[in-house]
PDB file of N, CA and C in Angstrom:
ATOM      1  N   MET A   1      16.830  14.390 -20.506  1.00  0.00           N
ATOM      2  CA  MET A   1      17.987  13.944 -19.931  1.00  0.00           C
ATOM      3  C   MET A   1      18.380  14.507 -18.524  1.00  0.00           C
ATOM      4  N   ALA A   2      18.169  15.727 -18.423  1.00  0.00           N
ATOM      5  CA  ALA A   2      18.774  16.479 -17.160  1.00  0.00           C
ATOM      6  C   ALA A   2      17.608  16.194 -16.195  1.00  0.00           C
ATOM      7  N   ARG A   3      16.273  15.805 -16.513  1.00  0.00           N
ATOM      8  CA  ARG A   3      15.312  15.625 -15.459  1.00  0.00           C
ATOM      9  C   ARG A   3      15.625  14.031 -14.863  1.00  0.00           C
ATOM     10  N   ARG A   4      16.330  13.032 -15.642  1.00  0.00           N
ATOM     11  CA  ARG A   4      16.607  11.984 -15.269  1.00  0.00           C
ATOM     12  C   ARG A   4      17.880  12.003 -14.265  1.00  0.00           C
ATOM     13  N   SER A   5      18.835  12.924 -14.602  1.00  0.00           N
ATOM     14  CA  SER A   5      19.987  12.974 -13.856  1.00  0.00           C
ATOM     15  C   SER A   5      19.686  13.881 -12.517  1.00  0.00           C
ATOM     16  N   ALA A   6      18.617  14.725 -12.446  1.00  0.00           N
ATOM     17  CA  ALA A   6      18.046  15.251 -11.229  1.00  0.00           C
ATOM     18  C   ALA A   6      17.534  14.252 -10.352  1.00  0.00           C
ATOM     19  N   ALA A   7      16.614  13.263 -10.951  1.00  0.00           N
ATOM     20  CA  ALA A   7      16.004  12.298 -10.150  1.00  0.00           C
ATOM     21  C   ALA A   7      17.146  11.441  -9.657  1.00  0.00           C
ATOM     22  N   SER A   8      18.076  10.942 -10.522  1.00  0.00           N
ATOM     23  CA  SER A   8      19.047  10.137 -10.094  1.00  0.00           C
ATOM     24  C   SER A   8      19.840  10.733  -8.692  1.00  0.00           C
ATOM     25  N   ASN A   9      20.075  12.022  -8.955  1.00  0.00           N
ATOM     26  CA  ASN A   9      20.838  12.669  -7.880  1.00  0.00           C
ATOM     27  C   ASN A   9      20.076  12.578  -6.516  1.00  0.00           C
ATOM     28  N   LEU A  10      18.728  12.896  -6.757  1.00  0.00           N
ATOM     29  CA  LEU A  10      17.801  12.794  -5.643  1.00  0.00           C
ATOM     30  C   LEU A  10      17.794  11.691  -4.838  1.00  0.00           C
ATOM     31  N   MET A  11      17.744  10.538  -5.706  1.00  0.00           N
ATOM     32  CA  MET A  11      17.490   9.206  -5.073  1.00  0.00           C
ATOM     33  C   MET A  11      18.857   8.897  -4.466  1.00  0.00           C
ATOM     34  N   LEU A  12      19.937   9.251  -4.956  1.00  0.00           N
ATOM     35  CA  LEU A  12      21.402   8.946  -4.325  1.00  0.00           C
ATOM     36  C   LEU A  12      21.512   9.918  -3.144  1.00  0.00           C
ATOM     37  N   ALA A  13      21.281  10.954  -3.135  1.00  0.00           N
ATOM     38  CA  ALA A  13      21.592  11.769  -2.109  1.00  0.00           C
ATOM     39  C   ALA A  13      20.511  11.793  -0.911  1.00  0.00           C
ATOM     40  N   TYR A  14      19.396  11.405  -1.260  1.00  0.00           N
ATOM     41  CA  TYR A  14      18.334  11.542  -0.243  1.00  0.00           C
ATOM     42  C   TYR A  14      17.683  10.439   0.204  1.00  0.00           C
ATOM     43  N   TRP A  15      17.346   9.269  -0.793  1.00  0.00           N
ATOM     44  CA  TRP A  15      16.711   8.243  -0.618  1.00  0.00           C
ATOM     45  C   TRP A  15      17.579   6.885  -0.518  1.00  0.00           C
ATOM     46  N   LEU A  16      18.666   7.145  -0.950  1.00  0.00           N
ATOM     47  CA  LEU A  16      19.540   5.896  -0.644  1.00  0.00           C
ATOM     48  C   LEU A  16      19.863   5.803   0.721  1.00  0.00           C
ATOM     49  N   PRO A  17      20.393   6.845   1.283  1.00  0.00           N
ATOM     50  CA  PRO A  17      20.654   6.813   2.890  1.00  0.00           C
ATOM     51  C   PRO A  17      19.499   6.289   3.632  1.00  0.00           C
ATOM     52  N   VAL A  18      18.217   6.834   3.307  1.00  0.00           N
ATOM     53  CA  VAL A  18      17.171   6.162   3.941  1.00  0.00           C
ATOM     54  C   VAL A  18      16.957   4.619   3.734  1.00  0.00           C
ATOM     55  N   ALA A  19      17.280   4.007   2.597  1.00  0.00           N
ATOM     56  CA  ALA A  19      17.210   2.543   2.314  1.00  0.00           C
ATOM     57  C   ALA A  19      18.142   1.928   3.098  1.00  0.00           C
ATOM     58  N   LEU A  20      19.374   2.505   2.942  1.00  0.00           N
ATOM     59  CA  LEU A  20      20.439   1.755   3.758  1.00  0.00           C
ATOM     60  C   LEU A  20      20.274   1.825   5.310  1.00  0.00           C
ATOM     61  N   TYR A  21      19.626   2.974   5.864  1.00  0.00           N
ATOM     62  CA  TYR A  21      19.404   3.031   7.216  1.00  0.00           C
ATOM     63  C   TYR A  21      18.228   2.056   7.670  1.00  0.00           C
ATOM     64  N   VAL A  22      17.209   1.852   6.857  1.00  0.00           N
ATOM     65  CA  VAL A  22      16.188   0.890   7.215  1.00  0.00           C
ATOM     66  C   VAL A  22      16.702  -0.477   6.959  1.00  0.00           C
ATOM     67  N   GLY A  23      17.936  -0.789   6.114  1.00  0.00           N
ATOM     68  CA  GLY A  23      18.439  -2.001   5.943  1.00  0.00           C
ATOM     69  C   GLY A  23      19.242  -2.168   7.189  1.00  0.00           C
ATOM     70  N   MET A  24      19.762  -1.099   7.770  1.00  0.00           N
ATOM     71  CA  MET A  24      20.584  -1.512   9.132  1.00  0.00           C
ATOM     72  C   MET A  24      19.662  -1.792  10.130  1.00  0.00           C
ATOM     73  N   ILE A  25      18.464  -1.124  10.252  1.00  0.00           N
ATOM     74  CA  ILE A  25      17.576  -1.383  11.255  1.00  0.00           C
ATOM     75  C   ILE A  25      17.175  -2.937  11.225  1.00  0.00           C
ATOM     76  N   PHE A  26      16.880  -3.429  10.027  1.00  0.00           N
ATOM     77  CA  PHE A  26      16.402  -4.752   9.924  1.00  0.00           C
ATOM     78  C   PHE A  26      17.639  -5.678  10.114  1.00  0.00           C
ATOM     79  N   LEU A  27      18.874  -5.299   9.853  1.00  0.00           N
ATOM     80  CA  LEU A  27      20.090  -6.096  10.102  1.00  0.00           C
ATOM     81  C   LEU A  27      20.158  -6.341  11.728  1.00  0.00           C
ATOM     82  N   ILE A  28      20.220  -5.103  12.290  1.00  0.00           N
ATOM     83  CA  ILE A  28      20.102  -5.198  13.939  1.00  0.00           C
ATOM     84  C   ILE A  28      19.040  -6.002  14.462  1.00  0.00           C
ATOM     85  N   SER A  29      17.917  -6.027  13.894  1.00  0.00           N
ATOM     86  CA  SER A  29      16.718  -6.698  14.414  1.00  0.00           C
ATOM     87  C   SER A  29      16.872  -8.354  14.205  1.00  0.00           C
ATOM     88  N   ALA A  30      17.649  -8.672  13.191  1.00  0.00           N
ATOM     89  CA  ALA A  30      17.911  -9.928  12.539  1.00  0.00           C
ATOM     90  C   ALA A  30      18.872 -10.615  13.752  1.00  0.00           C
ATOM     91  N   GLN A  31      19.513  -9.864  14.515  1.00  0.00           N
ATOM     92  CA  GLN A  31      20.428 -10.689  15.629  1.00  0.00           C
ATOM     93  C   GLN A  31      19.816 -11.219  16.545  1.00  0.00           C
ATOM     94  N   PRO A  32      19.920 -12.675  16.606  1.00  0.00           N
ATOM     95  CA  PRO A  32      19.218 -13.437  17.727  1.00  0.00           C
ATOM     96  C   PRO A  32      19.850 -13.028  19.068  1.00  0.00           C
ATOM     97  N   HIS A  33      19.018 -12.971  20.037  1.00  0.00           N
ATOM     98  CA  HIS A  33      19.302 -12.656  21.561  1.00  0.00           C
ATOM     99  C   HIS A  33      20.166 -11.478  21.784  1.00  0.00           C
ATOM    100  N   LEU A  34      19.673 -10.362  20.936  1.00  0.00           N
ATOM    101  CA  LEU A  34      20.495  -9.223  21.119  1.00  0.00           C
ATOM    102  C   LEU A  34      19.879  -8.568  22.425  1.00  0.00           C
ATOM    103  N   LYS A  35      20.833  -7.827  23.298  1.00  0.00           N
ATOM    104  CA  LYS A  35      20.624  -7.250  24.545  1.00  0.00           C
ATOM    105  C   LYS A  35      20.886  -5.839  24.143  1.00  0.00           C
ATOM    106  N   ALA A  36      20.129  -4.960  24.786  1.00  0.00           N
ATOM    107  CA  ALA A  36      20.274  -3.483  24.705  1.00  0.00           C
ATOM    108  C   ALA A  36      21.754  -3.071  25.253  1.00  0.00           C
ATOM    109  N   PRO A  37      22.421  -1.999  24.561  1.00  0.00           N
ATOM    110  CA  PRO A  37      23.749  -1.576  25.148  1.00  0.00           C
ATOM    111  C   PRO A  37      23.679  -0.910  26.355  1.00  0.00           C
ATOM    112  N   LEU A  38      22.618  -0.465  26.613  1.00  0.00           N
ATOM    113  CA  LEU A  38      22.312   0.343  27.945  1.00  0.00           C
ATOM    114  C   LEU A  38      21.743  -0.632  28.955  1.00  0.00           C
ATOM    115  N   PRO A  39      22.707  -0.877  30.139  1.00  0.00           N
ATOM    116  CA  PRO A  39      22.165  -1.844  31.206  1.00  0.00           C
ATOM    117  C   PRO A  39      21.396  -1.353  32.197  1.00  0.00           C
ATOM    118  N   PHE A  40      20.181  -0.544  31.798  1.00  0.00           N
ATOM    119  CA  PHE A  40      19.352  -0.087  32.879  1.00  0.00           C
ATOM    120  C   PHE A  40      18.059  -0.114  32.496  1.00  0.00           C
ATOM    121  N   ALA A  41      17.073   0.126  33.292  1.00  0.00           N
ATOM    122  CA  ALA A  41      15.471  -0.169  33.029  1.00  0.00           C
ATOM    123  C   ALA A  41      15.316   0.756  31.740  1.00  0.00           C
ATOM    124  N   PHE A  42      14.647   0.457  30.861  1.00  0.00           N
ATOM    125  CA  PHE A  42      14.087   1.127  29.716  1.00  0.00           C
ATOM    126  C   PHE A  42      15.123   1.569  28.791  1.00  0.00           C
ATOM    127  N   GLY A  43      16.530   1.029  29.068  1.00  0.00           N
ATOM    128  CA  GLY A  43      17.642   1.179  28.065  1.00  0.00           C
ATOM    129  C   GLY A  43      17.287   0.924  26.637  1.00  0.00           C
ATOM    130  N   ASP A  44      16.696  -0.044  26.399  1.00  0.00           N
ATOM    131  CA  ASP A  44      16.255  -0.609  25.260  1.00  0.00           C
ATOM    132  C   ASP A  44      15.235   0.509  24.403  1.00  0.00           C
ATOM    133  N   LYS A  45      14.470   1.112  25.317  1.00  0.00           N
ATOM    134  CA  LYS A  45      13.506   2.074  24.808  1.00  0.00           C
ATOM    135  C   LYS A  45      14.338   3.436  24.202  1.00  0.00           C
ATOM    136  N   ILE A  46      15.309   3.780  25.030  1.00  0.00           N
ATOM    137  CA  ILE A  46      16.192   4.941  24.656  1.00  0.00           C
ATOM    138  C   ILE A  46      16.869   4.614  23.350  1.00  0.00           C
ATOM    139  N   MET A  47      17.259   3.312  23.223  1.00  0.00           N
ATOM    140  CA  MET A  47      18.024   2.945  22.038  1.00  0.00           C
ATOM    141  C   MET A  47      17.047   3.129  20.667  1.00  0.00           C
ATOM    142  N   HIS A  48      15.635   2.516  21.004  1.00  0.00           N
ATOM    143  CA  HIS A  48      14.526   2.801  20.003  1.00  0.00           C
ATOM    144  C   HIS A  48      14.445   4.190  19.698  1.00  0.00           C
ATOM    145  N   LEU A  49      14.380   4.940  20.514  1.00  0.00           N
ATOM    146  CA  LEU A  49      14.011   6.403  20.321  1.00  0.00           C
ATOM    147  C   LEU A  49      15.237   6.994  19.608  1.00  0.00           C
ATOM    148  N   LEU A  50      16.508   6.841  19.763  1.00  0.00           N
ATOM    149  CA  LEU A  50      17.737   7.298  19.159  1.00  0.00           C
ATOM    150  C   LEU A  50      17.657   6.749  17.731  1.00  0.00           C
ATOM    151  N   GLU A  51      17.364   5.342  17.580  1.00  0.00           N
ATOM    152  CA  GLU A  51      17.453   4.695  16.399  1.00  0.00           C
ATOM    153  C   GLU A  51      16.497   5.304  15.269  1.00  0.00           C
ATOM    154  N   TYR A  52      15.260   5.372  15.904  1.00  0.00           N
ATOM    155  CA  TYR A  52      14.109   5.911  14.871  1.00  0.00           C
ATOM    156  C   TYR A  52      14.213   7.510  14.797  1.00  0.00           C
ATOM    157  N   GLY A  53      14.899   8.075  15.786  1.00  0.00           N
ATOM    158  CA  GLY A  53      15.147   9.469  15.690  1.00  0.00           C
ATOM    159  C   GLY A  53      16.054   9.732  14.354  1.00  0.00           C
ATOM    160  N   GLY A  54      16.900   8.906  14.079  1.00  0.00           N
ATOM    161  CA  GLY A  54      17.898   9.241  12.947  1.00  0.00           C
ATOM    162  C   GLY A  54      17.212   8.702  11.826  1.00  0.00           C
ATOM    163  N   LEU A  55      16.244   7.883  11.863  1.00  0.00           N
ATOM    164  CA  LEU A  55      15.340   7.557  10.716  1.00  0.00           C
ATOM    165  C   LEU A  55      14.484   8.862  10.359  1.00  0.00           C
ATOM    166  N   GLY A  56      13.945   9.241  11.403  1.00  0.00           N
ATOM    167  CA  GLY A  56      13.127  10.366  11.069  1.00  0.00           C
ATOM    168  C   GLY A  56      13.594  11.649  10.451  1.00  0.00           C
ATOM    169  N   ILE A  57      15.107  11.893  10.830  1.00  0.00           N
ATOM    170  CA  ILE A  57      15.760  13.064  10.058  1.00  0.00           C
ATOM    171  C   ILE A  57      16.063  12.590   8.761  1.00  0.00           C
ATOM    172  N   LEU A  58      16.399  11.593   8.534  1.00  0.00           N
ATOM    173  CA  LEU A  58      16.791  11.093   7.060  1.00  0.00           C
ATOM    174  C   LEU A  58      15.273  11.286   6.224  1.00  0.00           C
ATOM    175  N   LEU A  59      14.165  10.720   6.763  1.00  0.00           N
ATOM    176  CA  LEU A  59      12.896  10.810   6.222  1.00  0.00           C
ATOM    177  C   LEU A  59      12.538  12.337   5.876  1.00  0.00           C
ATOM    178  N   ALA A  60      12.769  13.178   6.880  1.00  0.00           N
ATOM    179  CA  ALA A  60      12.331  14.531   6.801  1.00  0.00           C
ATOM    180  C   ALA A  60      13.249  15.166   5.638  1.00  0.00           C
ATOM    181  N   ARG A  61      14.817  14.925   5.478  1.00  0.00           N
ATOM    182  CA  ARG A  61      15.524  15.492   4.572  1.00  0.00           C
ATOM    183  C   ARG A  61      14.977  14.819   3.083  1.00  0.00           C
ATOM    184  N   GLY A  62      14.534  13.727   3.016  1.00  0.00           N
ATOM    185  CA  GLY A  62      14.099  13.128   1.798  1.00  0.00           C
ATOM    186  C   GLY A  62      12.893  13.654   1.292  1.00  0.00           C
ATOM    187  N   ILE A  63      11.918  13.766   2.105  1.00  0.00           N
ATOM    188  CA  ILE A  63      10.749  14.344   1.938  1.00  0.00           C
ATOM    189  C   ILE A  63      10.909  15.838   1.318  1.00  0.00           C
ATOM    190  N   GLY A  64      11.606  16.484   2.272  1.00  0.00           N
ATOM    191  CA  GLY A  64      11.874  18.081   2.019  1.00  0.00           C
ATOM    192  C   GLY A  64      12.554  18.340   0.576  1.00  0.00           C
ATOM    193  N   ALA A  65      13.406  17.368   0.165  1.00  0.00           N
ATOM    194  CA  ALA A  65      14.186  17.652  -1.152  1.00  0.00           C
ATOM    195  C   ALA A  65      13.234  17.041  -2.219  1.00  0.00           C
ATOM    196  N   THR A  66      12.363  15.962  -2.099  1.00  0.00           N
ATOM    197  CA  THR A  66      11.653  15.655  -2.997  1.00  0.00           C
ATOM    198  C   THR A  66      10.629  16.592  -3.349  1.00  0.00           C
ATOM    199  N   ASN A  67       9.728  17.199  -2.495  1.00  0.00           N
ATOM    200  CA  ASN A  67       8.902  18.106  -2.574  1.00  0.00           C
ATOM    201  C   ASN A  67       9.001  19.334  -1.694  1.00  0.00           C
ATOM    202  N   PRO A  68       9.988  20.285  -2.266  1.00  0.00           N
ATOM    203  CA  PRO A  68      10.131  21.413  -1.153  1.00  0.00           C
ATOM    204  C   PRO A  68       8.875  22.281  -1.168  1.00  0.00           C
ATOM    205  N   ARG A  69       8.015  22.208  -1.818  1.00  0.00           N
ATOM    206  CA  ARG A  69       6.703  23.035  -1.614  1.00  0.00           C
ATOM    207  C   ARG A  69       5.846  22.289  -0.527  1.00  0.00           C
ATOM    208  N   PHE A  70       6.117  21.186   0.118  1.00  0.00           N
ATOM    209  CA  PHE A  70       5.373  20.593   1.264  1.00  0.00           C
ATOM    210  C   PHE A  70       5.241  21.526   2.287  1.00  0.00           C
ATOM    211  N   ALA A  71       4.096  21.722   2.698  1.00  0.00           N
ATOM    212  CA  ALA A  71       4.022  22.327   4.123  1.00  0.00           C
ATOM    213  C   ALA A  71       4.820  21.580   5.359  1.00  0.00           C
ATOM    214  N   PRO A  72       5.506  22.212   6.055  1.00  0.00           N
ATOM    215  CA  PRO A  72       6.270  21.629   7.057  1.00  0.00           C
ATOM    216  C   PRO A  72       5.619  20.578   7.926  1.00  0.00           C
ATOM    217  N   LEU A  73       4.325  20.887   8.222  1.00  0.00           N
ATOM    218  CA  LEU A  73       3.406  19.915   8.963  1.00  0.00           C
ATOM    219  C   LEU A  73       3.134  18.698   8.130  1.00  0.00           C
ATOM    220  N   SER A  74       2.718  18.973   6.932  1.00  0.00           N
ATOM    221  CA  SER A  74       2.559  17.759   5.935  1.00  0.00           C
ATOM    222  C   SER A  74       3.790  16.939   5.791  1.00  0.00           C
ATOM    223  N   ALA A  75       4.731  17.634   5.775  1.00  0.00           N
ATOM    224  CA  ALA A  75       6.143  16.757   5.293  1.00  0.00           C
ATOM    225  C   ALA A  75       6.461  15.956   6.553  1.00  0.00           C
ATOM    226  N   GLY A  76       6.250  16.712   7.937  1.00  0.00           N
ATOM    227  CA  GLY A  76       6.489  16.036   9.093  1.00  0.00           C
ATOM    228  C   GLY A  76       5.442  14.830   9.367  1.00  0.00           C
ATOM    229  N   LEU A  77       4.319  14.997   8.951  1.00  0.00           N
ATOM    230  CA  LEU A  77       3.396  13.976   9.369  1.00  0.00           C
ATOM    231  C   LEU A  77       3.428  12.632   8.254  1.00  0.00           C
ATOM    232  N   LEU A  78       4.030  12.986   7.092  1.00  0.00           N
ATOM    233  CA  LEU A  78       4.383  12.020   6.005  1.00  0.00           C
ATOM    234  C   LEU A  78       5.556  11.184   6.758  1.00  0.00           C
ATOM    235  N   ALA A  79       6.427  11.788   7.081  1.00  0.00           N
ATOM    236  CA  ALA A  79       7.729  11.195   7.627  1.00  0.00           C
ATOM    237  C   ALA A  79       7.449  10.338   8.845  1.00  0.00           C
ATOM    238  N   VAL A  80       6.448  10.798   9.945  1.00  0.00           N
ATOM    239  CA  VAL A  80       5.985  10.080  10.854  1.00  0.00           C
ATOM    240  C   VAL A  80       5.129   8.725  10.552  1.00  0.00           C
ATOM    241  N   CYS A  81       4.512   8.862   9.445  1.00  0.00           N
ATOM    242  CA  CYS A  81       3.671   7.871   8.897  1.00  0.00           C
ATOM    243  C   CYS A  81       4.585   6.797   8.433  1.00  0.00           C
ATOM    244  N   LEU A  82       5.556   7.255   7.563  1.00  0.00           N
ATOM    245  CA  LEU A  82       6.618   6.245   7.043  1.00  0.00           C
ATOM    246  C   LEU A  82       7.432   5.711   8.051  1.00  0.00           C
ATOM    247  N   GLY A  83       7.774   6.278   8.957  1.00  0.00           N
ATOM    248  CA  GLY A  83       8.722   5.929  10.027  1.00  0.00           C
ATOM    249  C   GLY A  83       7.767   4.869  11.064  1.00  0.00           C
ATOM    250  N   VAL A  84       6.588   5.032  11.372  1.00  0.00           N
ATOM    251  CA  VAL A  84       5.973   4.103  11.932  1.00  0.00           C
ATOM    252  C   VAL A  84       5.495   2.758  11.197  1.00  0.00           C
ATOM    253  N   THR A  85       5.530   2.994   9.778  1.00  0.00           N
ATOM    254  CA  THR A  85       5.221   1.877   9.013  1.00  0.00           C
ATOM    255  C   THR A  85       6.575   0.958   9.119  1.00  0.00           C
ATOM    256  N   VAL A  86       7.700   1.508   8.960  1.00  0.00           N
ATOM    257  CA  VAL A  86       9.113   0.919   9.156  1.00  0.00           C
ATOM    258  C   VAL A  86       8.891   0.020  10.609  1.00  0.00           C
ATOM    259  N   GLY A  87       8.601   0.900  11.676  1.00  0.00           N
ATOM    260  CA  GLY A  87       8.780   0.402  13.028  1.00  0.00           C
ATOM    261  C   GLY A  87       7.815  -0.657  13.114  1.00  0.00           C
ATOM    262  N   THR A  88       6.608  -0.801  12.704  1.00  0.00           N
ATOM    263  CA  THR A  88       5.682  -1.739  12.579  1.00  0.00           C
ATOM    264  C   THR A  88       6.211  -3.048  11.935  1.00  0.00           C
ATOM    265  N   CYS A  89       6.587  -2.768  10.773  1.00  0.00           N
ATOM    266  CA  CYS A  89       7.381  -4.012  10.070  1.00  0.00           C
ATOM    267  C   CYS A  89       8.495  -4.678  10.743  1.00  0.00           C
ATOM    268  N   ASP A  90       9.129  -3.872  11.306  1.00  0.00           N
ATOM    269  CA  ASP A  90      10.394  -4.091  12.304  1.00  0.00           C
ATOM    270  C   ASP A  90       9.922  -4.886  13.514  1.00  0.00           C
ATOM    271  N   GLU A  91       9.154  -4.582  14.077  1.00  0.00           N
ATOM    272  CA  GLU A  91       8.564  -5.286  15.279  1.00  0.00           C
ATOM    273  C   GLU A  91       7.881  -6.642  14.765  1.00  0.00           C
ATOM    274  N   LEU A  92       7.212  -6.657  13.851  1.00  0.00           N
ATOM    275  CA  LEU A  92       6.684  -8.004  13.151  1.00  0.00           C
ATOM    276  C   LEU A  92       7.885  -8.912  12.839  1.00  0.00           C
ATOM    277  N   PHE A  93       8.744  -8.409  12.193  1.00  0.00           N
ATOM    278  CA  PHE A  93       9.934  -9.170  11.782  1.00  0.00           C
ATOM    279  C   PHE A  93      10.502  -9.634  12.992  1.00  0.00           C
ATOM    280  N   GLN A  94      10.661  -8.735  14.177  1.00  0.00           N
ATOM    281  CA  GLN A  94      11.499  -9.166  15.318  1.00  0.00           C
ATOM    282  C   GLN A  94      10.769 -10.517  15.979  1.00  0.00           C
ATOM    283  N   ALA A  95       9.471 -10.440  15.850  1.00  0.00           N
ATOM    284  CA  ALA A  95       8.752 -11.748  16.412  1.00  0.00           C
ATOM    285  C   ALA A  95       9.190 -12.941  15.892  1.00  0.00           C
ATOM    286  N   THR A  96       9.660 -12.848  14.617  1.00  0.00           N
ATOM    287  CA  THR A  96      10.075 -14.180  14.140  1.00  0.00           C
ATOM    288  C   THR A  96      11.766 -14.628  14.306  1.00  0.00           C
ATOM    289  N   VAL A  97      12.355 -13.622  14.913  1.00  0.00           N
ATOM    290  CA  VAL A  97      13.642 -13.907  15.484  1.00  0.00           C
ATOM    291  C   VAL A  97      13.866 -14.486  16.597  1.00  0.00           C
ATOM    292  N   PRO A  98      14.756 -15.747  16.968  1.00  0.00           N
ATOM    293  CA  PRO A  98      14.860 -16.274  18.130  1.00  0.00           C
ATOM    294  C   PRO A  98      15.633 -15.385  19.091  1.00  0.00           C
ATOM    295  N   GLY A  99      14.793 -15.434  20.312  1.00  0.00           N
ATOM    296  CA  GLY A  99      15.507 -14.680  21.272  1.00  0.00           C
ATOM    297  C   GLY A  99      15.179 -13.189  21.347  1.00  0.00           C
ATOM    298  N   ARG A 100      14.280 -12.756  20.366  1.00  0.00           N
ATOM    299  CA  ARG A 100      13.756 -11.462  20.191  1.00  0.00           C
ATOM    300  C   ARG A 100      12.293 -11.508  20.402  1.00  0.00           C
ATOM    301  N   GLU A 101      11.727 -10.103  20.906  1.00  0.00           N
ATOM    302  CA  GLU A 101      10.381 -10.182  21.111  1.00  0.00           C
ATOM    303  C   GLU A 101       9.937  -9.104  20.435  1.00  0.00           C
ATOM    304  N   SER A 102       8.642  -8.940  20.108  1.00  0.00           N
ATOM    305  CA  SER A 102       7.991  -7.781  19.622  1.00  0.00           C
ATOM    306  C   SER A 102       7.009  -7.161  20.542  1.00  0.00           C
ATOM    307  N   SER A 103       7.250  -5.769  20.628  1.00  0.00           N
ATOM    308  CA  SER A 103       6.618  -4.931  21.758  1.00  0.00           C
ATOM    309  C   SER A 103       5.869  -3.872  21.281  1.00  0.00           C
ATOM    310  N   ALA A 104       4.766  -3.674  21.766  1.00  0.00           N
ATOM    311  CA  ALA A 104       3.993  -2.313  21.384  1.00  0.00           C
ATOM    312  C   ALA A 104       4.921  -1.122  22.109  1.00  0.00           C
ATOM    313  N   PHE A 105       5.465  -1.503  23.225  1.00  0.00           N
ATOM    314  CA  PHE A 105       6.078  -0.497  23.826  1.00  0.00           C
ATOM    315  C   PHE A 105       7.293   0.103  22.959  1.00  0.00           C
ATOM    316  N   ASP A 106       7.969  -0.837  22.275  1.00  0.00           N
ATOM    317  CA  ASP A 106       9.096  -0.639  21.366  1.00  0.00           C
ATOM    318  C   ASP A 106       8.507   0.281  20.195  1.00  0.00           C
ATOM    319  N   LEU A 107       7.329  -0.155  19.700  1.00  0.00           N
ATOM    320  CA  LEU A 107       6.807   0.639  18.735  1.00  0.00           C
ATOM    321  C   LEU A 107       6.517   2.078  19.067  1.00  0.00           C
ATOM    322  N   MET A 108       5.977   2.181  20.136  1.00  0.00           N
ATOM    323  CA  MET A 108       5.982   3.569  20.762  1.00  0.00           C
ATOM    324  C   MET A 108       7.022   4.475  20.913  1.00  0.00           C
ATOM    325  N   ALA A 109       8.085   3.821  21.549  1.00  0.00           N
ATOM    326  CA  ALA A 109       9.384   4.471  21.415  1.00  0.00           C
ATOM    327  C   ALA A 109       9.900   4.914  20.070  1.00  0.00           C
ATOM    328  N   ASP A 110       9.811   3.806  19.038  1.00  0.00           N
ATOM    329  CA  ASP A 110       9.972   4.194  17.800  1.00  0.00           C
ATOM    330  C   ASP A 110       9.323   5.402  17.061  1.00  0.00           C
ATOM    331  N   THR A 111       7.688   5.465  17.438  1.00  0.00           N
ATOM    332  CA  THR A 111       7.161   6.654  16.993  1.00  0.00           C
ATOM    333  C   THR A 111       7.576   7.882  17.604  1.00  0.00           C
ATOM    334  N   ALA A 112       7.728   7.679  19.021  1.00  0.00           N
ATOM    335  CA  ALA A 112       8.355   8.860  19.496  1.00  0.00           C
ATOM    336  C   ALA A 112       9.612   9.367  18.984  1.00  0.00           C
ATOM    337  N   GLY A 113      10.621   8.378  18.745  1.00  0.00           N
ATOM    338  CA  GLY A 113      11.825   9.051  17.940  1.00  0.00           C
ATOM    339  C   GLY A 113      11.633   9.709  16.589  1.00  0.00           C
ATOM    340  N   VAL A 114      10.678   9.073  15.765  1.00  0.00           N
ATOM    341  CA  VAL A 114      10.498   9.626  14.397  1.00  0.00           C
ATOM    342  C   VAL A 114       9.876  11.167  14.622  1.00  0.00           C
ATOM    343  N   GLY A 115       8.974  11.172  15.657  1.00  0.00           N
ATOM    344  CA  GLY A 115       8.114  12.495  15.945  1.00  0.00           C
ATOM    345  C   GLY A 115       9.065  13.518  16.458  1.00  0.00           C
ATOM    346  N   LEU A 116       9.921  13.278  17.325  1.00  0.00           N
ATOM    347  CA  LEU A 116      10.998  14.055  18.002  1.00  0.00           C
ATOM    348  C   LEU A 116      11.775  14.664  16.848  1.00  0.00           C
ATOM    349  N   ALA A 117      12.085  13.900  16.071  1.00  0.00           N
ATOM    350  CA  ALA A 117      12.985  14.000  14.915  1.00  0.00           C
ATOM    351  C   ALA A 117      12.517  15.146  13.954  1.00  0.00           C
ATOM    352  N   GLN A 118      11.111  15.251  13.951  1.00  0.00           N
ATOM    353  CA  GLN A 118      10.524  16.212  13.062  1.00  0.00           C
ATOM    354  C   GLN A 118      10.766  17.499  13.696  1.00  0.00           C
ATOM    355  N   PHE A 119      10.453  17.769  15.025  1.00  0.00           N
ATOM    356  CA  PHE A 119      10.811  18.879  15.608  1.00  0.00           C
ATOM    357  C   PHE A 119      12.115  19.356  15.466  1.00  0.00           C
ATOM    358  N   LEU A 120      13.215  18.440  15.816  1.00  0.00           N
ATOM    359  CA  LEU A 120      14.524  18.800  15.765  1.00  0.00           C
ATOM    360  C   LEU A 120      14.998  19.199  14.287  1.00  0.00           C
ATOM    361  N   TYR A 121      14.278  18.540  13.208  1.00  0.00           N
ATOM    362  CA  TYR A 121      14.653  18.766  11.823  1.00  0.00           C
ATOM    363  C   TYR A 121      14.081  20.404  11.691  1.00  0.00           C
ATOM    364  N   ARG A 122      13.097  20.529  11.903  1.00  0.00           N
ATOM    365  CA  ARG A 122      12.409  21.806  11.522  1.00  0.00           C
ATOM    366  C   ARG A 122      13.292  22.846  12.344  1.00  0.00           C
ATOM    367  N   ALA A 123      13.462  22.611  13.400  1.00  0.00           N
ATOM    368  CA  ALA A 123      14.265  23.687  14.219  1.00  0.00           C
ATOM    369  C   ALA A 123      15.573  24.212  13.567  1.00  0.00           C
ATOM    370  N   PHE A 124      16.309  22.980  13.185  1.00  0.00           N
ATOM    371  CA  PHE A 124      17.816  23.235  12.814  1.00  0.00           C
ATOM    372  C   PHE A 124      17.687  23.498  11.227  1.00  0.00           C
ATOM    373  N   ALA A 125      16.614  23.384  10.448  1.00  0.00           N
ATOM    374  CA  ALA A 125      16.735  23.380   9.129  1.00  0.00           C
ATOM    375  C   ALA A 125      16.329  24.955   8.920  1.00  0.00           C
ATOM    376  N   ARG A 126      16.075  25.774   9.822  1.00  0.00           N
ATOM    377  CA  ARG A 126      15.744  27.262   9.416  1.00  0.00           C
ATOM    378  C   ARG A 126      17.052  27.653   9.204  1.00  0.00           C
TER     379      ARG A 126
END
């Protein structure tokens, strides 16, 4: 019974925020003809970097809490892999939304955001 409670607490405290954040990403992506709030060149790439940076932090938290014995590099690489998978699915989804486009450059910004988040998380987690 205690094991079930610990697993439930882990899911609620660490993985539910990840799921809600991913849902928010897809909700934003579902908005037709959405324009980036930063009105300058590459402003949308900065938004992708920030958006996926937040996902990267949440993934690092979840992975670290799920298996605290993971080596930091392994946990970071797993978080990047999961974040890139979400970013790829998001870009494929955006290709189906009217007025939105799918871009490899957006996916690169997503990847950079998740990757940078791993460095920040490790720096501040000490």
